[in-house]
Amino acid sequence: MSLTEQTITYLYLAIAIIAEVSATSALKASAEFTRVIPSLIVIIGYGVSLYFMTLVLKTMPVGITYAIWAGLGIVLVAIVGAIVYQEIPDTAAIIGMSLIIAGVVVIHVFEKQ
């Protein structure tokens, strides 16, 4: 994979992660899909996320893609939850999320291209 192709792949993955985090974060605000704007954010966000994931899968293995997408999504949703909904993670959650980040780093650093 060329540097340009790799850059585009990671850009697509970043878009997929941001869209998924936006959608997941809007779930609570949708009030079980009774509020229109947050509900639209959920639907559009998941659609955009899955579309860009399909683009990433053209050049990146599905296991690696999903590990990065899910791992970073978990951590970012927790951060949004802490900021927007004042849902502060406890020590065990912080340790667990740190291990998730470490896992994503290990996957990325030691991935065979």
Protein backbone atom coordinates (compact mmCIF):
# COMPACT_ATOMS: atom_id res chain seq x y z
CA MET A 1 0.00 0.00 0.00
CA SER A 2 1.49 3.35 -1.03
CA LEU A 3 1.81 6.22 1.44
CA THR A 4 -1.00 8.14 -0.29
CA GLU A 5 -3.29 5.09 -0.27
CA GLN A 6 -2.46 4.48 3.39
CA THR A 7 -3.17 8.13 4.25
CA ILE A 8 -6.55 7.97 2.51
CA THR A 9 -7.37 4.70 4.27
CA TYR A 10 -6.65 6.21 7.68
CA LEU A 11 -8.62 9.35 6.77
CA TYR A 12 -11.61 7.14 5.88
CA LEU A 13 -11.17 5.24 9.13
CA ALA A 14 -11.08 8.52 11.09
CA ILE A 15 -14.30 9.64 9.39
CA ALA A 16 -15.91 6.28 10.21
CA ILE A 17 -14.88 6.58 13.86
CA ILE A 18 -16.05 10.19 14.22
CA ALA A 19 -19.40 9.37 12.58
CA GLU A 20 -19.88 6.34 14.85
CA VAL A 21 -18.98 8.31 17.97
CA SER A 22 -21.41 11.07 16.95
CA ALA A 23 -24.18 8.55 16.34
CA THR A 24 -23.60 6.63 19.56
CA SER A 25 -23.37 9.82 21.59
CA ALA A 26 -26.66 11.04 20.12
CA LEU A 27 -28.49 7.85 21.15
CA LYS A 28 -29.11 9.12 24.66
CA ALA A 29 -30.26 12.52 23.40
CA SER A 30 -32.68 10.82 20.99
CA ALA A 31 -34.79 9.75 24.00
CA GLU A 32 -35.59 6.36 22.46
CA PHE A 33 -35.99 7.96 19.01
CA THR A 34 -38.69 10.37 20.17
CA ARG A 35 -36.59 13.48 19.38
CA VAL A 36 -36.11 14.11 15.67
CA ILE A 37 -32.72 15.84 15.39
CA PRO A 38 -30.76 13.47 17.65
CA SER A 39 -32.51 10.52 15.98
CA LEU A 40 -31.40 11.77 12.55
CA ILE A 41 -27.85 12.16 13.85
CA VAL A 42 -27.94 8.52 14.99
CA ILE A 43 -29.23 7.19 11.67
CA ILE A 44 -27.02 9.33 9.45
CA GLY A 45 -23.98 8.85 11.69
CA TYR A 46 -24.17 5.05 11.60
CA GLY A 47 -24.80 5.11 7.85
CA VAL A 48 -21.78 7.32 7.20
CA SER A 49 -19.65 5.25 9.56
CA LEU A 50 -20.49 1.94 7.90
CA TYR A 51 -20.03 3.39 4.42
CA PHE A 52 -16.52 4.65 5.23
CA MET A 53 -15.70 1.36 6.93
CA THR A 54 -16.46 -0.41 3.64
CA LEU A 55 -13.95 1.90 1.93
CA VAL A 56 -11.32 1.10 4.56
CA LEU A 57 -11.88 -2.63 4.08
CA LYS A 58 -10.63 -2.37 0.49
CA THR A 59 -7.07 -2.03 1.80
CA MET A 60 -7.07 -2.98 5.49
CA PRO A 61 -7.94 -6.37 7.03
CA VAL A 62 -11.35 -6.54 8.67
CA GLY A 63 -9.98 -7.58 12.08
CA ILE A 64 -7.54 -4.68 12.25
CA THR A 65 -10.15 -2.22 10.96
CA TYR A 66 -12.73 -3.32 13.49
CA ALA A 67 -10.27 -3.36 16.40
CA ILE A 68 -9.21 0.23 15.72
CA TRP A 69 -12.77 1.41 14.98
CA ALA A 70 -14.31 -0.22 18.04
CA GLY A 71 -11.43 0.49 20.42
CA LEU A 72 -11.13 4.16 19.65
CA GLY A 73 -14.92 4.46 19.46
CA ILE A 74 -15.29 3.11 23.00
CA VAL A 75 -12.77 5.55 24.41
CA LEU A 76 -14.11 8.55 22.50
CA VAL A 77 -17.74 7.80 23.43
CA ALA A 78 -16.66 7.61 27.08
CA ILE A 79 -14.97 10.99 26.75
CA VAL A 80 -18.08 12.51 25.12
CA GLY A 81 -20.23 10.94 27.86
CA ALA A 82 -18.03 12.50 30.52
CA ILE A 83 -18.14 15.94 28.90
CA VAL A 84 -21.74 16.09 27.63
CA TYR A 85 -23.61 13.88 30.11
CA GLN A 86 -21.28 14.21 33.14
CA GLU A 87 -20.91 10.39 33.18
CA ILE A 88 -17.44 10.20 34.69
CA PRO A 89 -15.84 6.74 34.35
CA ASP A 90 -14.57 5.11 37.53
CA THR A 91 -11.00 3.88 38.02
CA ALA A 92 -11.72 0.40 36.65
CA ALA A 93 -13.25 1.86 33.49
CA ILE A 94 -10.27 4.17 32.99
CA ILE A 95 -7.84 1.28 33.42
CA GLY A 96 -9.86 -0.83 30.98
CA MET A 97 -9.97 1.93 28.39
CA SER A 98 -6.23 2.46 28.81
CA LEU A 99 -5.74 -1.21 28.00
CA ILE A 100 -7.95 -0.80 24.91
CA ILE A 101 -5.79 2.11 23.73
CA ALA A 102 -2.67 0.05 24.41
CA GLY A 103 -4.14 -2.77 22.34
CA VAL A 104 -4.86 -0.45 19.41
CA VAL A 105 -1.31 0.89 19.59
CA VAL A 106 0.15 -2.64 19.66
CA ILE A 107 -1.97 -3.64 16.66
CA HIS A 108 -0.88 -0.58 14.72
CA VAL A 109 2.81 -0.72 15.62
CA PHE A 110 3.27 -4.44 15.03
CA GLU A 111 0.88 -4.86 12.08
CA LYS A 112 2.58 -6.45 9.09
CA GLN A 113 1.93 -4.24 6.08
